[in-house]
């Protein structure tokens, strides 16, 4: 019977090396697990992160406020503009004609009102003269009555003739007629003066209703003409220009959009289970796929959407119908970025971001759902049109009214 040779035992040195290698690997794994556990215990549990985040910003749609034909286009897509820059010009021929007509009407209204004031002064003088004539007629009537009484007293003794007595009676009748006529003229003058004063009392040349109505027409015409120059309401970059020369546009027609890239934020879509400790004001660290991890942004939490993304979808989920499968919902959380960092590394609307929120700060603050987002802002580029209109109205009133300013007070 043949016996096989026995397998030689491994050298003691090789076994020791293998044991040391396994021990080292176990030690490394243990240290790594311990480090991960400690990190999660001390740091990680205070952080929530997501890569379901995008850059968002205002998209300002520019539309005309008056109808007209596009005569000039001054901007193109991707061009940077400042608030107040002229973007598009419309043909303003009709608006210029309407403005000239309105200014002429204002000038005529100023002259008519000026004539009213002058007429009031003349009527006041005429009324005073008529009252003086009535007073003189009353004195004449009193004298005639006194003469008649004296003649009647001596007529019985034959001191005056019947002819002289009859003549005195006729004089009294004539004085009565003259007094009635003078009083009628004075009353008519008073009524005409009152009617004229009713149109001027309590007003100035600039605040008279006729002038105000004509000035409103001038204001409307000046503003309409100014609106043929379509201005940029905010600083930003032009996008989606959809107008060409010769196009007839009407109010509300989309012409182009302006994106203010200096004011962008991030909408981070966190899972609903991640929001328990998120509060307003907590700091966040972000990175963009555009630049990678080498560029880091810093921001803070400023608001929470009113509902999940599915709640505002075009076709919202109807969980009450059919078979229901629970899906973890995501809620958009707005994160405000540091403007200086955005200026150094500009972002574009729609870019993908990674967001990490440190929940250690503000844990005792208000729940995120109670936070109100800040206002977007305002623009003042349209105020110049109203100032231009007011300046033009003041010029017309000063020139046509022949006054240093709209300071004429109504007649007394």
Protein backbone atom coordinates (compact mmCIF):
# COMPACT_ATOMS: atom_id res chain seq x y z
CA UNK A 1 0.00 0.00 0.00
CA UNK A 2 1.31 3.31 -1.08
CA UNK A 3 1.26 6.28 1.34
CA UNK A 4 1.17 9.94 0.11
CA UNK A 5 3.64 12.35 1.51
CA UNK A 6 2.20 14.80 4.11
CA UNK A 7 1.73 18.52 3.21
CA UNK A 8 4.47 20.58 4.65
CA UNK A 9 3.31 23.05 7.37
CA UNK A 10 3.39 26.77 6.65
CA UNK A 11 6.43 28.52 7.82
CA UNK A 12 5.94 30.24 11.17
CA UNK A 13 7.07 33.60 9.71
CA UNK A 14 4.30 33.61 7.02
CA UNK A 15 1.56 32.87 9.56
CA UNK A 16 2.74 35.68 11.80
CA UNK A 17 2.76 38.12 8.90
CA UNK A 18 -0.80 37.13 7.93
CA UNK A 19 -1.99 37.57 11.49
CA UNK A 20 -0.40 40.99 11.74
CA UNK A 21 -1.97 42.04 8.42
CA UNK A 22 -5.44 40.91 9.49
CA UNK A 23 -4.97 42.63 12.82
CA UNK A 24 -3.95 45.86 11.07
CA UNK A 25 -6.96 45.70 8.76
CA UNK A 26 -9.28 45.05 11.70
CA UNK A 27 -7.67 47.91 13.59
CA UNK A 28 -8.09 50.30 10.65
CA UNK A 29 -11.72 49.23 10.18
CA UNK A 30 -12.35 49.65 13.88
CA UNK A 31 -10.73 53.08 14.00
CA UNK A 32 -12.66 54.14 10.89
CA UNK A 33 -15.92 52.87 12.32
CA UNK A 34 -15.21 54.58 15.59
CA UNK A 35 -14.31 57.83 13.84
CA UNK A 36 -17.46 57.68 11.71
CA UNK A 37 -19.55 56.95 14.77
CA UNK A 38 -17.99 59.77 16.74
CA UNK A 39 -18.41 62.16 13.79
CA UNK A 40 -22.04 61.15 13.43
CA UNK A 41 -22.60 61.53 17.15
CA UNK A 42 -20.83 64.86 17.58
CA UNK A 43 -21.24 66.52 14.16
CA UNK A 44 -23.17 64.54 11.57
CA UNK A 45 -26.44 64.37 13.46
CA UNK A 46 -26.55 68.18 13.45
CA UNK A 47 -26.31 68.40 9.66
CA UNK A 48 -28.87 67.70 6.94
CA UNK A 49 -27.83 67.71 3.31
CA UNK A 50 -29.28 67.20 -0.14
CA UNK A 51 -28.12 67.31 -3.72
CA UNK A 52 -31.68 67.95 -4.92
CA UNK A 53 -31.19 71.72 -5.05
CA UNK A 54 -31.18 74.31 -7.81
CA UNK A 55 -30.34 77.98 -8.20
CA UNK A 56 -33.45 80.16 -8.43
CA UNK A 57 -33.98 83.84 -9.12
CA UNK A 58 -36.44 86.43 -10.31
CA UNK A 59 -37.27 86.36 -14.01
CA UNK A 60 -38.59 89.83 -14.84
CA UNK A 61 -40.81 89.73 -17.91
CA UNK A 62 -40.71 93.02 -19.82
CA UNK A 63 -43.95 94.00 -21.57
CA UNK A 64 -45.07 97.27 -23.20
CA UNK A 65 -47.56 99.58 -21.49
CA UNK A 66 -48.76 101.20 -24.73
CA UNK A 67 -49.41 99.87 -28.22
CA UNK A 68 -47.03 100.69 -31.04
CA UNK A 69 -44.69 99.53 -33.78
CA UNK A 70 -41.20 98.45 -32.73
CA UNK A 71 -38.82 100.96 -34.31
CA UNK A 72 -35.55 100.15 -32.50
CA UNK A 73 -34.12 97.28 -30.45
CA UNK A 74 -31.14 98.18 -28.29
CA UNK A 75 -30.35 94.89 -26.54
CA UNK A 76 -29.68 91.26 -27.36
CA UNK A 77 -29.78 88.00 -25.41
CA UNK A 78 -27.03 87.58 -22.76
CA UNK A 79 -26.42 91.35 -22.66
CA UNK A 80 -26.05 92.94 -19.23
CA UNK A 81 -28.24 95.99 -18.57
CA UNK A 82 -28.74 98.50 -15.78
CA UNK A 83 -32.04 99.70 -14.35
CA UNK A 84 -33.29 102.56 -16.53
CA UNK A 85 -31.49 101.51 -19.72
CA UNK A 86 -33.58 101.77 -22.87
CA UNK A 87 -34.33 98.28 -24.16
CA UNK A 88 -36.81 98.83 -26.99
CA UNK A 89 -38.30 101.92 -28.67
CA UNK A 90 -41.76 102.10 -30.21
CA UNK A 91 -42.89 104.54 -32.88
CA UNK A 92 -44.19 107.56 -30.91
CA UNK A 93 -45.82 109.62 -33.69
CA UNK A 94 -49.37 109.18 -32.41
CA UNK A 95 -48.33 109.90 -28.84
CA UNK A 96 -46.53 113.11 -29.86
CA UNK A 97 -49.64 114.35 -31.66
CA UNK A 98 -51.82 113.54 -28.66
CA UNK A 99 -49.38 115.33 -26.36
CA UNK A 100 -49.40 118.48 -28.53
CA UNK A 101 -53.21 118.48 -28.53
CA UNK A 102 -53.35 118.07 -24.75
CA UNK A 103 -50.84 120.86 -24.17
CA UNK A 104 -52.86 123.19 -26.40
CA UNK A 105 -56.01 122.37 -24.44
CA UNK A 106 -54.21 123.10 -21.18
CA UNK A 107 -53.00 126.46 -22.50
CA UNK A 108 -56.55 127.35 -23.55
CA UNK A 109 -57.94 126.29 -20.17
CA UNK A 110 -55.39 128.48 -18.40
CA UNK A 111 -56.39 131.48 -20.51
CA UNK A 112 -60.10 130.85 -19.93
CA UNK A 113 -59.62 130.60 -16.18
CA UNK A 114 -57.48 133.73 -16.20
CA UNK A 115 -60.33 135.48 -17.99
CA UNK A 116 -62.70 134.23 -15.28
CA UNK A 117 -60.59 135.87 -12.60
CA UNK A 118 -60.41 139.12 -14.55
CA UNK A 119 -64.18 139.03 -15.17
CA UNK A 120 -64.81 138.51 -11.48
CA UNK A 121 -62.82 141.64 -10.65
CA UNK A 122 -64.73 143.63 -13.30
CA UNK A 123 -68.08 142.34 -12.06
CA UNK A 124 -67.20 143.28 -8.50
CA UNK A 125 -66.44 146.84 -9.61
CA UNK A 126 -69.66 146.97 -11.65
CA UNK A 127 -71.70 145.70 -8.70
CA UNK A 128 -70.21 148.40 -6.48
CA UNK A 129 -71.11 151.07 -9.06
CA UNK A 130 -74.67 149.77 -9.34
CA UNK A 131 -75.10 149.84 -5.58
CA UNK A 132 -73.83 153.43 -5.58
CA UNK A 133 -76.38 154.33 -8.27
CA UNK A 134 -79.13 152.65 -6.24
CA UNK A 135 -78.09 154.65 -3.17
CA UNK A 136 -78.19 157.87 -5.22
CA UNK A 137 -81.62 156.96 -6.61
CA UNK A 138 -82.88 156.29 -3.09
CA UNK A 139 -81.63 159.69 -1.94
CA UNK A 140 -83.30 161.34 -4.96
CA UNK A 141 -86.56 159.56 -4.16
CA UNK A 142 -86.38 160.74 -0.53
CA UNK A 143 -85.86 164.35 -1.69
CA UNK A 144 -88.80 164.14 -4.11
CA UNK A 145 -91.04 162.72 -1.36
CA UNK A 146 -90.01 165.51 1.02
CA UNK A 147 -90.75 168.18 -1.64
CA UNK A 148 -94.19 166.71 -2.27
CA UNK A 149 -95.06 166.69 1.45
CA UNK A 150 -94.07 170.35 1.86
CA UNK A 151 -96.14 171.40 -1.15
CA UNK A 152 -99.14 169.45 0.10
CA UNK A 153 -98.91 171.21 3.46
CA UNK A 154 -99.11 174.71 1.97
CA UNK A 155 -101.42 173.83 -0.93
CA UNK A 156 -104.49 174.17 1.32
CA UNK A 157 -103.59 177.80 2.11
CA UNK A 158 -103.02 178.56 -1.60
CA UNK A 159 -99.28 178.80 -1.23
CA UNK A 160 -98.64 176.64 -4.35
CA UNK A 161 -100.66 176.08 -7.46
CA UNK A 162 -102.22 172.79 -8.39
CA UNK A 163 -99.86 172.60 -11.38
CA UNK A 164 -96.81 172.81 -9.12
CA UNK A 165 -98.28 170.15 -6.81
CA UNK A 166 -98.89 167.87 -9.79
CA UNK A 167 -95.33 168.44 -10.98
CA UNK A 168 -93.94 167.38 -7.55
CA UNK A 169 -96.09 164.27 -7.62
CA UNK A 170 -94.70 163.31 -11.03
CA UNK A 171 -91.17 163.84 -9.79
CA UNK A 172 -91.79 161.39 -6.92
CA UNK A 173 -93.13 158.80 -9.32
CA UNK A 174 -90.08 159.25 -11.57
CA UNK A 175 -87.78 158.90 -8.54
CA UNK A 176 -89.58 155.66 -7.55
CA UNK A 177 -89.05 154.25 -11.05
CA UNK A 178 -85.38 155.22 -11.08
CA UNK A 179 -84.88 153.64 -7.64
CA UNK A 180 -86.53 150.37 -8.74
CA UNK A 181 -84.38 150.28 -11.88
CA UNK A 182 -81.17 150.98 -9.93
CA UNK A 183 -82.03 148.28 -7.37
CA UNK A 184 -82.72 145.81 -10.20
CA UNK A 185 -79.37 146.55 -11.82
CA UNK A 186 -77.58 146.14 -8.48
CA UNK A 187 -79.36 142.83 -7.84
CA UNK A 188 -78.48 141.55 -11.32
CA UNK A 189 -74.85 142.58 -10.84
CA UNK A 190 -74.76 140.80 -7.47
CA UNK A 191 -76.14 137.60 -8.96
CA UNK A 192 -73.73 137.68 -11.89
CA UNK A 193 -70.84 138.30 -9.54
CA UNK A 194 -71.95 135.39 -7.31
CA UNK A 195 -72.20 133.09 -10.33
CA UNK A 196 -68.71 134.06 -11.43
CA UNK A 197 -67.29 133.69 -7.95
CA UNK A 198 -68.78 130.21 -7.71
CA UNK A 199 -66.43 129.22 -10.54
CA UNK A 200 -63.34 130.73 -8.93
CA UNK A 201 -63.93 130.73 -5.17
CA UNK A 202 -61.50 128.67 -3.12
CA UNK A 203 -59.21 127.87 -6.05
CA UNK A 204 -56.03 129.11 -7.63
CA UNK A 205 -55.14 129.21 -11.27
CA UNK A 206 -53.31 125.88 -10.91
CA UNK A 207 -56.06 124.19 -8.85
CA UNK A 208 -59.08 125.31 -10.87
CA UNK A 209 -61.11 122.28 -12.04
CA UNK A 210 -60.77 123.23 -15.72
CA UNK A 211 -57.01 123.52 -15.40
CA UNK A 212 -56.79 120.29 -13.41
CA UNK A 213 -58.75 118.38 -16.05
CA UNK A 214 -56.58 119.74 -18.85
CA UNK A 215 -53.42 119.07 -16.81
CA UNK A 216 -54.51 115.45 -16.28
CA UNK A 217 -54.81 115.07 -20.06
CA UNK A 218 -51.29 116.49 -20.49
CA UNK A 219 -49.98 114.17 -17.78
CA UNK A 220 -51.54 111.18 -19.51
CA UNK A 221 -50.15 112.21 -22.90
CA UNK A 222 -46.62 112.83 -21.59
CA UNK A 223 -46.55 109.51 -19.77
CA UNK A 224 -47.92 107.67 -22.82
CA UNK A 225 -45.20 109.20 -25.00
CA UNK A 226 -42.52 108.30 -22.45
CA UNK A 227 -43.73 104.72 -22.33
CA UNK A 228 -42.82 104.25 -25.98
CA UNK A 229 -39.27 103.92 -24.63
CA UNK A 230 -39.32 100.59 -22.78
CA UNK A 231 -36.85 100.67 -19.89
CA UNK A 232 -35.10 97.99 -17.89
CA UNK A 233 -36.81 97.85 -14.48
CA UNK A 234 -33.84 96.18 -12.74
CA UNK A 235 -30.17 95.39 -13.21
CA UNK A 236 -29.62 92.01 -14.83
CA UNK A 237 -29.00 90.00 -17.96
CA UNK A 238 -31.28 89.89 -20.98
CA UNK A 239 -32.83 86.54 -21.83
CA UNK A 240 -35.51 85.18 -24.16
CA UNK A 241 -35.80 88.21 -26.46
CA UNK A 242 -38.89 87.46 -28.54
CA UNK A 243 -39.46 90.67 -30.50
CA UNK A 244 -38.18 91.94 -33.83
CA UNK A 245 -38.23 95.22 -35.74
CA UNK A 246 -41.55 96.22 -37.24
CA UNK A 247 -43.63 94.12 -34.87
CA UNK A 248 -46.88 95.73 -33.74
CA UNK A 249 -47.07 95.12 -30.01
CA UNK A 250 -49.87 95.74 -27.54
CA UNK A 251 -49.84 96.10 -23.74
CA UNK A 252 -48.97 92.78 -22.16
CA UNK A 253 -47.09 91.36 -25.17
CA UNK A 254 -43.97 89.50 -23.88
CA UNK A 255 -40.90 91.16 -25.36
CA UNK A 256 -37.98 89.80 -23.34
CA UNK A 257 -36.93 88.82 -19.85
CA UNK A 258 -34.32 90.21 -17.49
CA UNK A 259 -32.72 87.98 -14.88
CA UNK A 260 -31.07 89.88 -11.98
CA UNK A 261 -28.20 87.48 -11.43
CA UNK A 262 -26.90 89.56 -8.54
CA UNK A 263 -29.84 88.39 -6.46
CA UNK A 264 -30.23 84.64 -6.68
CA UNK A 265 -31.00 82.05 -4.06
CA UNK A 266 -31.10 78.25 -3.78
CA UNK A 267 -34.21 76.11 -3.46
CA UNK A 268 -33.07 73.01 -1.59
CA UNK A 269 -35.60 70.16 -1.69
CA UNK A 270 -35.18 68.35 1.62
CA UNK A 271 -37.03 65.21 2.57
CA UNK A 272 -39.82 65.85 5.02
CA UNK A 273 -38.07 63.77 7.68
CA UNK A 274 -35.02 66.09 7.52
CA UNK A 275 -36.87 69.28 8.50
CA UNK A 276 -37.56 68.61 12.19
CA UNK A 277 -34.60 70.67 13.44
CA UNK A 278 -34.28 73.16 10.58
CA UNK A 279 -34.87 76.77 11.66
CA UNK A 280 -34.65 80.18 10.07
CA UNK A 281 -31.22 81.78 10.25
CA UNK A 282 -29.24 78.54 10.36
CA UNK A 283 -26.06 78.53 8.30
CA UNK A 284 -25.62 76.46 5.19
CA UNK A 285 -22.66 75.40 3.08
CA UNK A 286 -23.21 74.97 -0.63
CA UNK A 287 -21.36 73.95 -3.76
CA UNK A 288 -22.33 74.15 -7.42
CA UNK A 289 -21.78 71.47 -10.03
CA UNK A 290 -20.58 74.29 -12.28
CA UNK A 291 -17.46 74.89 -10.16
CA UNK A 292 -17.23 71.67 -8.16
CA UNK A 293 -16.09 71.33 -4.57
CA UNK A 294 -13.25 73.78 -5.07
CA UNK A 295 -15.69 76.71 -4.76
CA UNK A 296 -17.72 76.83 -1.58
CA UNK A 297 -20.66 79.15 -0.95
CA UNK A 298 -22.09 80.15 2.40
CA UNK A 299 -25.68 81.09 3.10
CA UNK A 300 -28.51 80.94 5.60
CA UNK A 301 -31.99 79.50 5.69
CA UNK A 302 -34.67 82.17 5.13
CA UNK A 303 -37.89 80.37 4.30
CA UNK A 304 -39.89 77.25 3.62
CA UNK A 305 -42.35 76.65 0.79
CA UNK A 306 -46.04 76.49 1.64
CA UNK A 307 -46.32 72.93 0.32
CA UNK A 308 -44.45 70.04 -1.18
CA UNK A 309 -43.46 69.97 -4.80
CA UNK A 310 -46.19 67.47 -5.67
CA UNK A 311 -48.86 69.70 -4.13
CA UNK A 312 -48.12 72.44 -6.69
CA UNK A 313 -47.59 70.12 -9.63
CA UNK A 314 -49.66 70.56 -12.79
CA UNK A 315 -51.36 67.24 -11.95
CA UNK A 316 -51.30 66.92 -8.13
CA UNK A 317 -51.33 63.45 -6.64
CA UNK A 318 -54.74 62.06 -5.69
CA UNK A 319 -53.94 59.59 -2.94
CA UNK A 320 -57.62 58.96 -2.22
CA UNK A 321 -58.08 57.13 -5.53
CA UNK A 322 -56.76 53.73 -6.55
CA UNK A 323 -53.94 51.90 -4.83
CA UNK A 324 -51.81 54.16 -2.66
CA UNK A 325 -48.06 53.86 -2.30
CA UNK A 326 -46.33 56.09 0.19
CA UNK A 327 -43.66 58.28 -1.37
CA UNK A 328 -41.36 60.42 0.74
CA UNK A 329 -42.20 64.04 -0.05
CA UNK A 330 -39.71 66.85 -0.51
CA UNK A 331 -40.26 70.44 0.61
CA UNK A 332 -38.35 73.37 -0.98
CA UNK A 333 -36.28 75.32 1.56
CA UNK A 334 -34.98 78.71 0.45
CA UNK A 335 -31.33 79.40 1.22
CA UNK A 336 -29.99 82.92 0.80
CA UNK A 337 -26.45 83.22 -0.57
CA UNK A 338 -23.66 85.61 0.30
CA UNK A 339 -23.79 88.34 -2.43
CA UNK A 340 -20.01 88.81 -2.35
CA UNK A 341 -19.43 85.12 -3.06
CA UNK A 342 -22.00 85.14 -5.86
CA UNK A 343 -20.29 88.17 -7.39
CA UNK A 344 -16.94 86.36 -7.29
CA UNK A 345 -18.33 83.17 -8.80
CA UNK A 346 -21.55 84.02 -10.67
CA UNK A 347 -24.36 81.50 -10.84
CA UNK A 348 -27.13 80.95 -13.38
CA UNK A 349 -30.74 80.15 -12.71
CA UNK A 350 -31.38 76.42 -12.79
CA UNK A 351 -27.86 75.21 -11.92
CA UNK A 352 -27.57 72.15 -9.69
CA UNK A 353 -26.34 72.67 -6.13
CA UNK A 354 -25.43 70.60 -3.09
CA UNK A 355 -26.62 72.02 0.24
CA UNK A 356 -25.59 71.18 3.79
CA UNK A 357 -27.47 72.90 6.65
CA UNK A 358 -25.99 73.09 10.13
CA UNK A 359 -28.96 72.66 12.48
CA UNK A 360 -27.05 73.44 15.68
CA UNK A 361 -27.84 77.14 15.46
CA UNK A 362 -31.32 78.42 16.24
CA UNK A 363 -32.71 75.12 17.46
CA UNK A 364 -34.83 77.02 19.98
CA UNK A 365 -36.15 79.46 17.36
CA UNK A 366 -39.47 79.53 15.57
CA UNK A 367 -40.43 76.57 13.39
CA UNK A 368 -39.41 77.08 9.81
CA UNK A 369 -43.02 76.91 8.64
CA UNK A 370 -43.75 80.21 10.42
CA UNK A 371 -41.08 82.19 8.62
CA UNK A 372 -42.16 84.84 6.11
CA UNK A 373 -39.95 85.33 3.07
CA UNK A 374 -38.54 88.86 2.54
CA UNK A 375 -39.94 91.20 -0.09
CA UNK A 376 -38.37 91.08 -3.53
CA UNK A 377 -37.81 94.82 -3.95
CA UNK A 378 -38.98 97.79 -5.96
CA UNK A 379 -38.02 99.83 -9.01
CA UNK A 380 -38.19 103.58 -9.52
CA UNK A 381 -37.43 103.84 -13.23
CA UNK A 382 -41.01 104.88 -14.04
CA UNK A 383 -41.10 107.84 -11.66
CA UNK A 384 -39.17 110.06 -14.08
CA UNK A 385 -42.15 110.13 -16.46
CA UNK A 386 -44.43 111.61 -13.83
CA UNK A 387 -41.83 114.21 -12.87
CA UNK A 388 -41.43 115.14 -16.54
CA UNK A 389 -45.20 115.55 -16.88
CA UNK A 390 -45.43 117.76 -13.78
CA UNK A 391 -42.57 119.94 -15.02
CA UNK A 392 -44.24 120.42 -18.39
CA UNK A 393 -47.59 121.29 -16.78
CA UNK A 394 -45.94 123.89 -14.55
CA UNK A 395 -44.21 125.42 -17.58
CA UNK A 396 -47.48 125.77 -19.51
CA UNK A 397 -49.31 127.31 -16.55
CA UNK A 398 -46.47 129.76 -16.00
CA UNK A 399 -46.20 130.76 -19.67
CA UNK A 400 -49.88 130.87 -20.66
CA UNK A 401 -51.17 132.20 -17.37
CA UNK A 402 -48.81 135.20 -17.50
CA UNK A 403 -47.92 134.55 -13.87
CA UNK A 404 -44.62 133.77 -12.14
CA UNK A 405 -46.23 130.56 -10.88
CA UNK A 406 -49.54 128.94 -10.05
CA UNK A 407 -50.12 131.31 -7.11
CA UNK A 408 -53.10 133.37 -8.31
CA UNK A 409 -55.74 133.39 -5.59
CA UNK A 410 -59.41 133.51 -6.54
CA UNK A 411 -61.24 136.83 -6.65
CA UNK A 412 -62.65 138.12 -3.42
